[in-house]
């Protein structure tokens, strides 16, 4: 097996684990319960890690690279009712609840 990714926290590790699983790539999470050892162990040794079989590494690496790629910036739309800026992906104004154009 080969270490594929070191996550900052357990939810991040499991999010990536499920993304890999959806693509048919079996992976294992190591250090799942190591956070309790912080203080006795260096904190960098307690981060959750994803490991895959060597023959799956390159396929899995593509998914990790997509996961780490910065997301496209979201544009902003002004609410015609209150003038508040809202991301383009919103349908309602977060401030006043009015429909956005």
Protein backbone atom coordinates (compact mmCIF):
# COMPACT_ATOMS: atom_id res chain seq x y z
CA UNK A 1 0.00 0.00 0.00
CA UNK A 2 1.03 3.58 -0.57
CA UNK A 3 0.08 6.78 1.25
CA UNK A 4 -2.04 8.88 -1.06
CA UNK A 5 -3.08 11.86 1.06
CA UNK A 6 -2.69 13.37 4.51
CA UNK A 7 -5.88 15.13 5.57
CA UNK A 8 -6.16 18.07 7.93
CA UNK A 9 -9.05 16.42 9.78
CA UNK A 10 -11.20 13.30 9.79
CA UNK A 11 -14.20 14.76 7.86
CA UNK A 12 -11.85 15.79 5.04
CA UNK A 13 -10.36 12.29 4.96
CA UNK A 14 -13.80 10.68 4.74
CA UNK A 15 -15.01 13.10 2.08
CA UNK A 16 -12.10 12.11 -0.11
CA UNK A 17 -12.53 8.43 0.81
CA UNK A 18 -16.11 8.56 -0.48
CA UNK A 19 -15.05 10.38 -3.65
CA UNK A 20 -12.52 7.61 -4.32
CA UNK A 21 -15.08 4.92 -3.52
CA UNK A 22 -17.53 6.45 -6.01
CA UNK A 23 -14.87 5.94 -8.69
CA UNK A 24 -14.35 2.30 -7.68
CA UNK A 25 -11.06 2.93 -5.86
CA UNK A 26 -10.74 1.19 -2.52
CA UNK A 27 -8.83 3.19 0.08
CA UNK A 28 -8.17 2.92 3.81
CA UNK A 29 -8.09 5.68 6.44
CA UNK A 30 -5.18 5.33 8.88
CA UNK A 31 -4.69 7.33 12.11
CA UNK A 32 -8.45 7.57 12.45
CA UNK A 33 -8.28 7.61 16.26
CA UNK A 34 -4.81 9.09 16.71
CA UNK A 35 -5.98 12.57 17.74
CA UNK A 36 -6.12 11.36 21.34
CA UNK A 37 -2.35 10.89 21.22
CA UNK A 38 -1.57 14.56 20.57
CA UNK A 39 0.86 15.66 23.23
CA UNK A 40 2.43 12.23 23.51
CA UNK A 41 2.92 12.12 19.73
CA UNK A 42 3.85 14.98 17.41
CA UNK A 43 0.61 16.44 16.02
CA UNK A 44 1.77 15.86 12.43
CA UNK A 45 1.87 12.12 13.14
CA UNK A 46 -1.79 12.08 14.14
CA UNK A 47 -3.31 13.48 10.94
CA UNK A 48 -5.67 11.06 9.15
CA UNK A 49 -4.06 9.48 6.09
CA UNK A 50 -5.58 7.83 3.02
CA UNK A 51 -3.75 4.81 1.66
CA UNK A 52 -4.40 2.86 -1.55
CA UNK A 53 -2.97 -0.19 -3.24
CA UNK A 54 0.04 0.65 -5.39
CA UNK A 55 -1.71 -0.27 -8.66
CA UNK A 56 -4.55 2.21 -7.90
CA UNK A 57 -2.29 5.10 -6.92
CA UNK A 58 -2.22 6.98 -10.26
CA UNK A 59 -6.01 6.81 -10.72
CA UNK A 60 -6.53 7.97 -7.14
CA UNK A 61 -3.98 10.76 -7.52
CA UNK A 62 -6.09 12.30 -10.32
CA UNK A 63 -9.09 12.49 -7.97
CA UNK A 64 -6.98 14.01 -5.17
CA UNK A 65 -5.61 16.61 -7.58
CA UNK A 66 -9.17 17.59 -8.57
CA UNK A 67 -10.13 17.74 -4.88
CA UNK A 68 -7.23 20.07 -4.10
CA UNK A 69 -7.74 22.33 -7.14
CA UNK A 70 -9.14 25.74 -6.16
CA UNK A 71 -12.79 26.19 -7.03
CA UNK A 72 -13.85 28.76 -9.62
CA UNK A 73 -14.73 32.09 -8.03
CA UNK A 74 -18.44 32.78 -7.76
CA UNK A 75 -19.76 36.06 -9.13
CA UNK A 76 -21.96 38.39 -7.12
CA UNK A 77 -25.48 39.73 -7.72
CA UNK A 78 -27.04 42.75 -6.00
CA UNK A 79 -30.48 42.33 -4.46
CA UNK A 80 -32.96 44.71 -6.12
CA UNK A 81 -34.89 44.99 -2.86
CA UNK A 82 -32.18 45.79 -0.26
CA UNK A 83 -29.01 46.19 -2.36
CA UNK A 84 -27.08 43.44 -0.52
CA UNK A 85 -24.45 41.49 -2.49
CA UNK A 86 -25.21 37.76 -2.91
CA UNK A 87 -23.30 34.98 -4.69
CA UNK A 88 -24.65 34.19 -8.18
CA UNK A 89 -25.60 30.73 -6.98
CA UNK A 90 -28.19 32.10 -4.51
CA UNK A 91 -31.86 32.24 -5.50
CA UNK A 92 -32.92 34.33 -2.49
CA UNK A 93 -31.18 37.26 -0.84
CA UNK A 94 -29.42 36.06 2.30
CA UNK A 95 -30.20 39.40 3.99
CA UNK A 96 -33.87 40.11 3.23
CA UNK A 97 -35.13 36.89 1.58
CA UNK A 98 -36.27 38.58 -1.66
CA UNK A 99 -36.05 36.71 -4.97
CA UNK A 100 -32.86 37.46 -6.88
CA UNK A 101 -32.86 38.20 -10.63
